[in-house]
Amino acid sequence: MATVSERAKNSRRRFADFCSFVGDLRLAPHQTDMIDACQDIGDNPTGGQKYVVVMPPGFGKSTIVAILMNAWLIGKNPSKHFGLLSYGNKPAYARSRALRKLIKSDQAYRLTFPKIEHDPTNWGAGEFSVLRESSGDIFPTMLCGGTRSAVVSYRLNFLTMDDSIDQKQAANTDQLLKAW
């Protein structure tokens, strides 16, 4: 059995271990491809990969990709800029709350990424920052909002779209085709 410090060390390198240790998840077989895609992004942060995850509700997409992957990537790349968009501000802000809670106060996260500290001057639902080496960086670590949010000027290195259309739009064929 691995010690807590070994689990934290492994979680820095392997996303599946991070999900288990920090997210307290038992990963299911249907989540393997999603975990592998997140690992690929973490291993090659400038690779320009684009993944689309399509699964029914309740299969772990938001928890694994929107929350845990972004928390892991921020820990590995604190000087980068991230975006998280959803069909509206409310669901995006809910993901933001979960991310901020992990980064600021989750013991397993703090053990995995002990140098990551929240920036108390920029710690809101719509955007937040972790303390970085460059004090001249004017862009937040994470920008969260609805799909109509202005993200172009934020110099994002990573963008996650989670539930980019709502149930009403998904039921409308014209709206669904526009989204694709």
N, C-alpha and C. Protein backbone atom coordinates (compact mmCIF):
# COMPACT_ATOMS: atom_id res chain seq x y z
N MET A 1 0.84 -1.18 0.00
CA MET A 1 0.00 0.00 0.00
C MET A 1 0.88 1.24 0.00
N ALA A 2 0.58 2.17 -0.91
CA ALA A 2 1.37 3.38 -1.04
C ALA A 2 1.09 4.34 0.12
N THR A 3 2.13 5.04 0.53
CA THR A 3 1.96 6.05 1.58
C THR A 3 1.25 7.27 0.98
N VAL A 4 0.81 8.16 1.83
CA VAL A 4 0.13 9.37 1.38
C VAL A 4 1.08 10.20 0.51
N SER A 5 2.34 10.33 0.92
CA SER A 5 3.28 11.13 0.13
C SER A 5 3.56 10.47 -1.23
N GLU A 6 3.58 9.15 -1.28
CA GLU A 6 3.75 8.46 -2.57
C GLU A 6 2.53 8.67 -3.47
N ARG A 7 1.36 8.64 -2.89
CA ARG A 7 0.13 8.87 -3.67
C ARG A 7 0.12 10.29 -4.22
N ALA A 8 0.54 11.27 -3.40
CA ALA A 8 0.60 12.66 -3.87
C ALA A 8 1.61 12.80 -5.01
N LYS A 9 2.77 12.18 -4.86
CA LYS A 9 3.80 12.24 -5.90
C LYS A 9 3.28 11.61 -7.19
N ASN A 10 2.66 10.45 -7.10
CA ASN A 10 2.10 9.78 -8.28
C ASN A 10 1.00 10.61 -8.92
N SER A 11 0.23 11.32 -8.10
CA SER A 11 -0.88 12.14 -8.60
C SER A 11 -0.40 13.33 -9.42
N ARG A 12 0.81 13.78 -9.17
CA ARG A 12 1.37 14.87 -9.98
C ARG A 12 1.61 14.41 -11.40
N ARG A 13 1.97 13.15 -11.57
CA ARG A 13 2.34 12.61 -12.89
C ARG A 13 1.19 11.94 -13.61
N ARG A 14 0.37 11.20 -12.89
CA ARG A 14 -0.68 10.38 -13.52
C ARG A 14 -2.07 10.89 -13.15
N PHE A 15 -2.82 11.26 -14.17
CA PHE A 15 -4.14 11.81 -13.94
C PHE A 15 -5.08 10.81 -13.27
N ALA A 16 -4.97 9.54 -13.64
CA ALA A 16 -5.82 8.52 -13.00
C ALA A 16 -5.55 8.47 -11.50
N ASP A 17 -4.30 8.57 -11.10
CA ASP A 17 -3.96 8.59 -9.67
C ASP A 17 -4.50 9.85 -9.00
N PHE A 18 -4.43 10.98 -9.71
CA PHE A 18 -4.98 12.23 -9.19
C PHE A 18 -6.48 12.09 -8.94
N CYS A 19 -7.19 11.50 -9.89
CA CYS A 19 -8.65 11.30 -9.73
C CYS A 19 -8.95 10.44 -8.52
N SER A 20 -8.13 9.45 -8.31
CA SER A 20 -8.33 8.54 -7.18
C SER A 20 -7.98 9.22 -5.86
N PHE A 21 -6.83 9.88 -5.80
CA PHE A 21 -6.33 10.47 -4.56
C PHE A 21 -7.06 11.77 -4.21
N VAL A 22 -7.10 12.71 -5.13
CA VAL A 22 -7.70 14.01 -4.86
C VAL A 22 -9.21 13.97 -5.05
N GLY A 23 -9.66 13.33 -6.12
CA GLY A 23 -11.09 13.27 -6.39
C GLY A 23 -11.82 12.18 -5.65
N ASP A 24 -11.06 11.30 -5.00
CA ASP A 24 -11.64 10.19 -4.25
C ASP A 24 -12.60 9.37 -5.12
N LEU A 25 -12.19 9.17 -6.39
CA LEU A 25 -13.03 8.44 -7.34
C LEU A 25 -12.52 7.02 -7.55
N ARG A 26 -13.45 6.13 -7.73
CA ARG A 26 -13.13 4.80 -8.25
C ARG A 26 -13.48 4.86 -9.72
N LEU A 27 -12.47 4.87 -10.55
CA LEU A 27 -12.71 5.04 -11.98
C LEU A 27 -13.35 3.79 -12.58
N ALA A 28 -14.31 4.00 -13.44
CA ALA A 28 -15.04 2.91 -14.09
C ALA A 28 -14.46 2.67 -15.49
N PRO A 29 -14.64 1.48 -16.02
CA PRO A 29 -14.09 1.17 -17.35
C PRO A 29 -14.55 2.15 -18.44
N HIS A 30 -15.77 2.64 -18.37
CA HIS A 30 -16.25 3.55 -19.42
C HIS A 30 -15.54 4.91 -19.38
N GLN A 31 -14.76 5.16 -18.34
CA GLN A 31 -14.07 6.44 -18.22
C GLN A 31 -12.61 6.38 -18.69
N THR A 32 -12.15 5.23 -19.12
CA THR A 32 -10.75 5.03 -19.50
C THR A 32 -10.29 5.97 -20.61
N ASP A 33 -11.06 6.06 -21.68
CA ASP A 33 -10.66 6.93 -22.79
C ASP A 33 -10.61 8.39 -22.36
N MET A 34 -11.55 8.80 -21.53
CA MET A 34 -11.57 10.17 -21.03
C MET A 34 -10.33 10.45 -20.18
N ILE A 35 -9.97 9.52 -19.32
CA ILE A 35 -8.77 9.65 -18.48
C ILE A 35 -7.52 9.71 -19.36
N ASP A 36 -7.45 8.86 -20.37
CA ASP A 36 -6.29 8.86 -21.27
C ASP A 36 -6.16 10.18 -22.02
N ALA A 37 -7.29 10.76 -22.45
CA ALA A 37 -7.26 12.05 -23.14
C ALA A 37 -6.74 13.14 -22.20
N CYS A 38 -7.20 13.14 -20.97
CA CYS A 38 -6.73 14.12 -19.98
C CYS A 38 -5.24 13.95 -19.72
N GLN A 39 -4.78 12.71 -19.64
CA GLN A 39 -3.36 12.44 -19.44
C GLN A 39 -2.55 12.98 -20.61
N ASP A 40 -3.05 12.77 -21.83
CA ASP A 40 -2.37 13.26 -23.03
C ASP A 40 -2.23 14.78 -22.99
N ILE A 41 -3.27 15.47 -22.60
CA ILE A 41 -3.22 16.93 -22.50
C ILE A 41 -2.21 17.35 -21.43
N GLY A 42 -2.20 16.66 -20.30
CA GLY A 42 -1.25 16.98 -19.24
C GLY A 42 0.19 16.69 -19.62
N ASP A 43 0.40 15.63 -20.40
CA ASP A 43 1.76 15.27 -20.83
C ASP A 43 2.27 16.16 -21.95
N ASN A 44 1.36 16.70 -22.75
CA ASN A 44 1.72 17.52 -23.91
C ASN A 44 0.92 18.82 -23.90
N PRO A 45 1.18 19.70 -22.93
CA PRO A 45 0.32 20.88 -22.76
C PRO A 45 0.35 21.86 -23.93
N THR A 46 1.33 21.78 -24.81
CA THR A 46 1.36 22.67 -25.97
C THR A 46 1.07 21.91 -27.26
N GLY A 47 0.51 20.72 -27.13
CA GLY A 47 0.27 19.87 -28.28
C GLY A 47 -0.93 20.25 -29.14
N GLY A 48 -1.79 21.12 -28.64
CA GLY A 48 -2.94 21.55 -29.43
C GLY A 48 -4.02 20.49 -29.59
N GLN A 49 -4.04 19.49 -28.71
CA GLN A 49 -5.05 18.44 -28.81
C GLN A 49 -6.45 19.00 -28.64
N LYS A 50 -7.36 18.37 -29.33
CA LYS A 50 -8.78 18.73 -29.20
C LYS A 50 -9.55 17.43 -29.02
N TYR A 51 -10.23 17.31 -27.91
CA TYR A 51 -11.03 16.13 -27.61
C TYR A 51 -12.48 16.54 -27.41
N VAL A 52 -13.37 15.69 -27.82
CA VAL A 52 -14.79 15.86 -27.56
C VAL A 52 -15.25 14.62 -26.80
N VAL A 53 -15.83 14.83 -25.64
CA VAL A 53 -16.33 13.73 -24.82
C VAL A 53 -17.85 13.75 -24.89
N VAL A 54 -18.41 12.69 -25.42
CA VAL A 54 -19.87 12.58 -25.52
C VAL A 54 -20.29 11.34 -24.76
N MET A 55 -21.00 11.55 -23.67
CA MET A 55 -21.50 10.47 -22.82
C MET A 55 -22.83 10.92 -22.22
N PRO A 56 -23.63 9.98 -21.80
CA PRO A 56 -24.91 10.36 -21.16
C PRO A 56 -24.66 11.11 -19.84
N PRO A 57 -25.69 11.82 -19.38
CA PRO A 57 -25.58 12.49 -18.08
C PRO A 57 -25.23 11.49 -16.98
N GLY A 58 -24.43 11.93 -16.04
CA GLY A 58 -24.08 11.09 -14.89
C GLY A 58 -22.91 10.16 -15.10
N PHE A 59 -22.19 10.29 -16.21
CA PHE A 59 -21.07 9.41 -16.49
C PHE A 59 -19.73 9.98 -16.05
N GLY A 60 -19.73 11.16 -15.40
CA GLY A 60 -18.51 11.71 -14.82
C GLY A 60 -17.80 12.75 -15.65
N LYS A 61 -18.40 13.20 -16.72
CA LYS A 61 -17.72 14.18 -17.59
C LYS A 61 -17.36 15.46 -16.84
N SER A 62 -18.34 16.06 -16.17
CA SER A 62 -18.09 17.34 -15.49
C SER A 62 -17.09 17.17 -14.37
N THR A 63 -17.25 16.14 -13.57
CA THR A 63 -16.34 15.93 -12.44
C THR A 63 -14.92 15.67 -12.92
N ILE A 64 -14.78 14.78 -13.88
CA ILE A 64 -13.43 14.39 -14.32
C ILE A 64 -12.77 15.45 -15.19
N VAL A 65 -13.48 15.94 -16.19
CA VAL A 65 -12.85 16.87 -17.13
C VAL A 65 -12.90 18.31 -16.64
N ALA A 66 -14.09 18.80 -16.34
CA ALA A 66 -14.22 20.22 -16.00
C ALA A 66 -13.57 20.56 -14.67
N ILE A 67 -13.69 19.68 -13.70
CA ILE A 67 -13.16 20.00 -12.36
C ILE A 67 -11.79 19.38 -12.13
N LEU A 68 -11.71 18.05 -12.15
CA LEU A 68 -10.43 17.41 -11.79
C LEU A 68 -9.32 17.68 -12.81
N MET A 69 -9.62 17.60 -14.11
CA MET A 69 -8.56 17.84 -15.09
C MET A 69 -8.05 19.28 -14.98
N ASN A 70 -8.96 20.23 -14.87
CA ASN A 70 -8.52 21.62 -14.75
C ASN A 70 -7.72 21.86 -13.48
N ALA A 71 -8.13 21.27 -12.37
CA ALA A 71 -7.36 21.41 -11.12
C ALA A 71 -5.97 20.81 -11.27
N TRP A 72 -5.89 19.65 -11.92
CA TRP A 72 -4.60 18.98 -12.14
C TRP A 72 -3.71 19.82 -13.05
N LEU A 73 -4.28 20.32 -14.15
CA LEU A 73 -3.50 21.13 -15.08
C LEU A 73 -3.03 22.43 -14.45
N ILE A 74 -3.85 23.05 -13.64
CA ILE A 74 -3.43 24.27 -12.94
C ILE A 74 -2.26 23.95 -12.01
N GLY A 75 -2.33 22.83 -11.30
CA GLY A 75 -1.23 22.43 -10.43
C GLY A 75 0.06 22.20 -11.18
N LYS A 76 -0.05 21.62 -12.38
CA LYS A 76 1.13 21.34 -13.21
C LYS A 76 1.62 22.57 -13.97
N ASN A 77 0.72 23.50 -14.26
CA ASN A 77 1.04 24.65 -15.11
C ASN A 77 0.47 25.95 -14.52
N PRO A 78 0.92 26.36 -13.36
CA PRO A 78 0.28 27.51 -12.69
C PRO A 78 0.44 28.84 -13.42
N SER A 79 1.37 28.95 -14.34
CA SER A 79 1.54 30.21 -15.06
C SER A 79 0.67 30.29 -16.32
N LYS A 80 -0.03 29.22 -16.64
CA LYS A 80 -0.88 29.20 -17.84
C LYS A 80 -2.26 29.78 -17.54
N HIS A 81 -3.02 30.00 -18.62
CA HIS A 81 -4.36 30.57 -18.52
C HIS A 81 -5.39 29.56 -19.01
N PHE A 82 -6.46 29.40 -18.26
CA PHE A 82 -7.47 28.38 -18.51
C PHE A 82 -8.84 29.02 -18.67
N GLY A 83 -9.68 28.38 -19.44
CA GLY A 83 -11.05 28.82 -19.58
C GLY A 83 -11.99 27.65 -19.40
N LEU A 84 -13.13 27.90 -18.80
CA LEU A 84 -14.15 26.88 -18.63
C LEU A 84 -15.49 27.51 -18.98
N LEU A 85 -16.08 27.05 -20.07
CA LEU A 85 -17.34 27.60 -20.53
C LEU A 85 -18.44 26.56 -20.45
N SER A 86 -19.64 27.03 -20.15
CA SER A 86 -20.83 26.19 -20.12
C SER A 86 -21.95 26.97 -20.80
N TYR A 87 -23.12 26.36 -20.93
CA TYR A 87 -24.22 27.03 -21.63
C TYR A 87 -24.64 28.33 -20.94
N GLY A 88 -24.32 28.49 -19.69
CA GLY A 88 -24.65 29.71 -18.95
C GLY A 88 -23.66 29.93 -17.83
N ASN A 89 -23.73 31.11 -17.24
CA ASN A 89 -22.82 31.43 -16.14
C ASN A 89 -23.03 30.52 -14.94
N LYS A 90 -24.28 30.22 -14.60
CA LYS A 90 -24.56 29.47 -13.38
C LYS A 90 -23.85 28.12 -13.33
N PRO A 91 -23.95 27.26 -14.36
CA PRO A 91 -23.21 26.00 -14.28
C PRO A 91 -21.69 26.20 -14.32
N ALA A 92 -21.22 27.20 -15.06
CA ALA A 92 -19.78 27.46 -15.09
C ALA A 92 -19.28 27.90 -13.72
N TYR A 93 -20.06 28.74 -13.04
CA TYR A 93 -19.67 29.19 -11.71
C TYR A 93 -19.70 28.05 -10.69
N ALA A 94 -20.60 27.09 -10.88
CA ALA A 94 -20.63 25.93 -9.99
C ALA A 94 -19.34 25.12 -10.14
N ARG A 95 -18.86 24.97 -11.37
CA ARG A 95 -17.57 24.27 -11.58
C ARG A 95 -16.44 25.09 -10.97
N SER A 96 -16.52 26.40 -11.11
CA SER A 96 -15.52 27.28 -10.53
C SER A 96 -15.45 27.12 -9.01
N ARG A 97 -16.60 27.04 -8.36
CA ARG A 97 -16.62 26.85 -6.89
C ARG A 97 -15.91 25.55 -6.51
N ALA A 98 -16.21 24.48 -7.26
CA ALA A 98 -15.58 23.20 -6.96
C ALA A 98 -14.07 23.26 -7.17
N LEU A 99 -13.63 23.92 -8.24
CA LEU A 99 -12.20 24.07 -8.50
C LEU A 99 -11.51 24.88 -7.40
N ARG A 100 -12.12 26.00 -7.04
CA ARG A 100 -11.52 26.85 -6.01
C ARG A 100 -11.46 26.14 -4.67
N LYS A 101 -12.49 25.37 -4.36
CA LYS A 101 -12.48 24.62 -3.10
C LYS A 101 -11.34 23.60 -3.08
N LEU A 102 -11.16 22.88 -4.19
CA LEU A 102 -10.05 21.92 -4.27
C LEU A 102 -8.71 22.61 -4.08
N ILE A 103 -8.48 23.67 -4.85
CA ILE A 103 -7.19 24.35 -4.84
C ILE A 103 -6.89 24.97 -3.48
N LYS A 104 -7.88 25.59 -2.89
CA LYS A 104 -7.64 26.32 -1.64
C LYS A 104 -7.59 25.43 -0.41
N SER A 105 -8.45 24.42 -0.34
CA SER A 105 -8.57 23.75 0.96
C SER A 105 -8.59 22.22 0.95
N ASP A 106 -8.49 21.59 -0.21
CA ASP A 106 -8.49 20.13 -0.20
C ASP A 106 -7.12 19.61 0.22
N GLN A 107 -7.09 18.80 1.26
CA GLN A 107 -5.81 18.33 1.81
C GLN A 107 -5.02 17.51 0.80
N ALA A 108 -5.68 16.63 0.07
CA ALA A 108 -4.97 15.81 -0.93
C ALA A 108 -4.39 16.69 -2.04
N TYR A 109 -5.13 17.70 -2.47
CA TYR A 109 -4.62 18.62 -3.49
C TYR A 109 -3.42 19.39 -2.95
N ARG A 110 -3.52 19.86 -1.72
CA ARG A 110 -2.42 20.62 -1.11
C ARG A 110 -1.16 19.75 -1.00
N LEU A 111 -1.33 18.46 -0.73
CA LEU A 111 -0.18 17.55 -0.68
C LEU A 111 0.39 17.28 -2.08
N THR A 112 -0.48 17.21 -3.06
CA THR A 112 -0.05 16.93 -4.43
C THR A 112 0.66 18.13 -5.04
N PHE A 113 0.12 19.32 -4.82
CA PHE A 113 0.70 20.55 -5.36
C PHE A 113 0.91 21.57 -4.23
N PRO A 114 1.90 21.32 -3.38
CA PRO A 114 2.07 22.18 -2.19
C PRO A 114 2.45 23.62 -2.51
N LYS A 115 2.97 23.91 -3.69
CA LYS A 115 3.38 25.28 -4.02
C LYS A 115 2.24 26.12 -4.60
N ILE A 116 1.12 25.50 -4.88
CA ILE A 116 -0.01 26.23 -5.46
C ILE A 116 -0.80 26.90 -4.34
N GLU A 117 -0.88 28.24 -4.42
CA GLU A 117 -1.62 29.03 -3.44
C GLU A 117 -2.61 29.92 -4.17
N HIS A 118 -3.78 30.05 -3.61
CA HIS A 118 -4.77 30.94 -4.23
C HIS A 118 -4.35 32.39 -4.06
N ASP A 119 -4.76 33.22 -5.02
CA ASP A 119 -4.48 34.64 -4.96
C ASP A 119 -5.71 35.32 -4.35
N PRO A 120 -5.62 35.76 -3.09
CA PRO A 120 -6.81 36.33 -2.43
C PRO A 120 -7.32 37.61 -3.09
N THR A 121 -6.51 38.24 -3.94
CA THR A 121 -6.97 39.46 -4.62
C THR A 121 -7.80 39.15 -5.86
N ASN A 122 -7.81 37.90 -6.29
CA ASN A 122 -8.59 37.51 -7.47
C ASN A 122 -9.09 36.08 -7.26
N TRP A 123 -10.18 35.94 -6.56
CA TRP A 123 -10.67 34.60 -6.18
C TRP A 123 -12.19 34.55 -6.29
N GLY A 124 -12.73 34.89 -7.44
CA GLY A 124 -14.17 34.92 -7.62
C GLY A 124 -14.68 33.83 -8.53
N ALA A 125 -16.00 33.75 -8.65
CA ALA A 125 -16.63 32.70 -9.45
C ALA A 125 -16.34 32.85 -10.94
N GLY A 126 -16.36 34.07 -11.45
CA GLY A 126 -16.15 34.30 -12.87
C GLY A 126 -14.70 34.20 -13.30
N GLU A 127 -13.81 34.48 -12.41
CA GLU A 127 -12.38 34.32 -12.68
C GLU A 127 -11.63 34.23 -11.36
N PHE A 128 -10.54 33.48 -11.40
CA PHE A 128 -9.68 33.40 -10.22
C PHE A 128 -8.25 33.16 -10.65
N SER A 129 -7.34 33.43 -9.73
CA SER A 129 -5.91 33.25 -10.00
C SER A 129 -5.24 32.52 -8.86
N VAL A 130 -4.18 31.81 -9.21
CA VAL A 130 -3.26 31.29 -8.21
C VAL A 130 -2.04 32.21 -8.24
N LEU A 131 -1.30 32.25 -7.15
CA LEU A 131 -0.10 33.08 -7.11
C LEU A 131 0.90 32.54 -8.13
N ARG A 132 1.51 33.46 -8.87
CA ARG A 132 2.44 33.08 -9.93
C ARG A 132 3.75 33.84 -9.80
N GLU A 133 4.76 33.35 -10.47
CA GLU A 133 6.07 34.01 -10.44
C GLU A 133 6.01 35.40 -11.05
N SER A 134 5.26 35.53 -12.15
CA SER A 134 5.19 36.82 -12.84
C SER A 134 4.06 37.66 -12.26
N SER A 135 4.42 38.67 -11.51
CA SER A 135 3.41 39.54 -10.91
C SER A 135 2.80 40.47 -11.96
N GLY A 136 3.39 40.55 -13.14
CA GLY A 136 2.87 41.40 -14.21
C GLY A 136 1.84 40.73 -15.08
N ASP A 137 1.51 39.48 -14.80
CA ASP A 137 0.51 38.76 -15.60
C ASP A 137 -0.88 39.28 -15.22
N ILE A 138 -1.52 39.97 -16.14
CA ILE A 138 -2.82 40.58 -15.85
C ILE A 138 -4.00 39.64 -16.06
N PHE A 139 -3.74 38.47 -16.64
CA PHE A 139 -4.82 37.55 -16.96
C PHE A 139 -5.04 36.54 -15.83
N PRO A 140 -6.29 36.19 -15.57
CA PRO A 140 -6.55 35.23 -14.49
C PRO A 140 -6.06 33.83 -14.85
N THR A 141 -5.85 33.02 -13.84
CA THR A 141 -5.52 31.62 -14.07
C THR A 141 -6.70 30.92 -14.73
N MET A 142 -7.91 31.18 -14.24
CA MET A 142 -9.11 30.53 -14.76
C MET A 142 -10.20 31.57 -15.01
N LEU A 143 -10.78 31.51 -16.18
CA LEU A 143 -11.93 32.32 -16.55
C LEU A 143 -13.11 31.38 -16.74
N CYS A 144 -14.21 31.64 -16.06
CA CYS A 144 -15.40 30.78 -16.15
C CYS A 144 -16.61 31.61 -16.56
N GLY A 145 -17.43 31.05 -17.44
CA GLY A 145 -18.63 31.77 -17.83
C GLY A 145 -19.44 31.01 -18.84
N GLY A 146 -20.47 31.67 -19.32
CA GLY A 146 -21.33 31.10 -20.35
C GLY A 146 -20.65 31.13 -21.70
N THR A 147 -21.20 30.37 -22.64
CA THR A 147 -20.57 30.27 -23.97
C THR A 147 -20.56 31.59 -24.72
N ARG A 148 -21.33 32.55 -24.29
CA ARG A 148 -21.32 33.86 -24.93
C ARG A 148 -20.31 34.80 -24.27
N SER A 149 -19.53 34.30 -23.34
CA SER A 149 -18.52 35.11 -22.66
C SER A 149 -17.40 35.48 -23.63
N ALA A 150 -16.82 36.65 -23.43
CA ALA A 150 -15.68 37.09 -24.24
C ALA A 150 -14.42 36.42 -23.70
N VAL A 151 -13.83 35.55 -24.48
CA VAL A 151 -12.63 34.85 -24.02
C VAL A 151 -11.41 35.14 -24.89
N VAL A 152 -11.60 35.77 -26.03
CA VAL A 152 -10.51 35.97 -26.97
C VAL A 152 -9.35 36.75 -26.36
N SER A 153 -9.63 37.81 -25.63
CA SER A 153 -8.57 38.67 -25.12
C SER A 153 -7.87 38.12 -23.88
N TYR A 154 -8.25 36.95 -23.43
CA TYR A 154 -7.68 36.42 -22.19
C TYR A 154 -6.45 35.54 -22.39
N ARG A 155 -6.03 35.34 -23.61
CA ARG A 155 -4.81 34.57 -23.91
C ARG A 155 -4.85 33.17 -23.31
N LEU A 156 -5.96 32.46 -23.52
CA LEU A 156 -6.13 31.14 -22.92
C LEU A 156 -5.18 30.12 -23.55
N ASN A 157 -4.56 29.32 -22.70
CA ASN A 157 -3.75 28.19 -23.15
C ASN A 157 -4.58 26.92 -23.21
N PHE A 158 -5.62 26.83 -22.39
CA PHE A 158 -6.49 25.67 -22.30
C PHE A 158 -7.93 26.15 -22.25
N LEU A 159 -8.82 25.45 -22.94
CA LEU A 159 -10.23 25.78 -22.90
C LEU A 159 -11.04 24.49 -22.75
N THR A 160 -11.88 24.45 -21.75
CA THR A 160 -12.78 23.33 -21.52
C THR A 160 -14.21 23.82 -21.70
N MET A 161 -14.97 23.10 -22.49
CA MET A 161 -16.39 23.40 -22.63
C MET A 161 -17.16 22.24 -22.01
N ASP A 162 -17.95 22.54 -21.02
CA ASP A 162 -18.70 21.51 -20.31
C ASP A 162 -20.18 21.87 -20.37
N ASP A 163 -20.99 20.97 -20.88
CA ASP A 163 -22.43 21.25 -21.07
C ASP A 163 -22.60 22.55 -21.84
N SER A 164 -22.07 22.59 -23.05
CA SER A 164 -22.08 23.83 -23.82
C SER A 164 -23.46 24.19 -24.35
N ILE A 165 -24.37 23.25 -24.38
CA ILE A 165 -25.76 23.56 -24.71
C ILE A 165 -26.66 23.01 -23.61
N ASP A 166 -27.76 23.70 -23.37
CA ASP A 166 -28.66 23.26 -22.30
C ASP A 166 -29.66 22.23 -22.84
N GLN A 167 -30.49 21.69 -21.97
CA GLN A 167 -31.44 20.65 -22.35
C GLN A 167 -32.42 21.13 -23.41
N LYS A 168 -32.86 22.37 -23.30
CA LYS A 168 -33.81 22.93 -24.27
C LYS A 168 -33.17 23.00 -25.65
N GLN A 169 -31.92 23.46 -25.72
CA GLN A 169 -31.22 23.53 -27.00
C GLN A 169 -30.97 22.14 -27.56
N ALA A 170 -30.64 21.19 -26.69
CA ALA A 170 -30.35 19.84 -27.14
C ALA A 170 -31.58 19.16 -27.75
N ALA A 171 -32.77 19.58 -27.31
CA ALA A 171 -34.00 18.99 -27.83
C ALA A 171 -34.42 19.62 -29.16
N ASN A 172 -33.80 20.74 -29.52
CA ASN A 172 -34.13 21.45 -30.75
C ASN A 172 -33.09 21.09 -31.82
N THR A 173 -33.50 20.41 -32.87
CA THR A 173 -32.59 19.92 -33.91
C THR A 173 -31.78 21.06 -34.53
N ASP A 174 -32.43 22.19 -34.83
CA ASP A 174 -31.71 23.32 -35.43
C ASP A 174 -30.62 23.83 -34.50
N GLN A 175 -30.94 23.98 -33.21
CA GLN A 175 -29.96 24.45 -32.24
C GLN A 175 -28.83 23.44 -32.08
N LEU A 176 -29.15 22.18 -32.07
CA LEU A 176 -28.14 21.13 -31.92
C LEU A 176 -27.17 21.15 -33.10
N LEU A 177 -27.69 21.30 -34.30
CA LEU A 177 -26.84 21.37 -35.49
C LEU A 177 -25.95 22.61 -35.46
N LYS A 178 -26.46 23.73 -34.97
CA LYS A 178 -25.65 24.94 -34.84
C LYS A 178 -24.49 24.72 -33.87
N ALA A 179 -24.76 24.02 -32.79
CA ALA A 179 -23.72 23.76 -31.78
C ALA A 179 -22.61 22.89 -32.35
N TRP A 180 -22.96 21.95 -33.19
CA TRP A 180 -21.93 21.07 -33.79
C TRP A 180 -21.26 21.78 -34.93
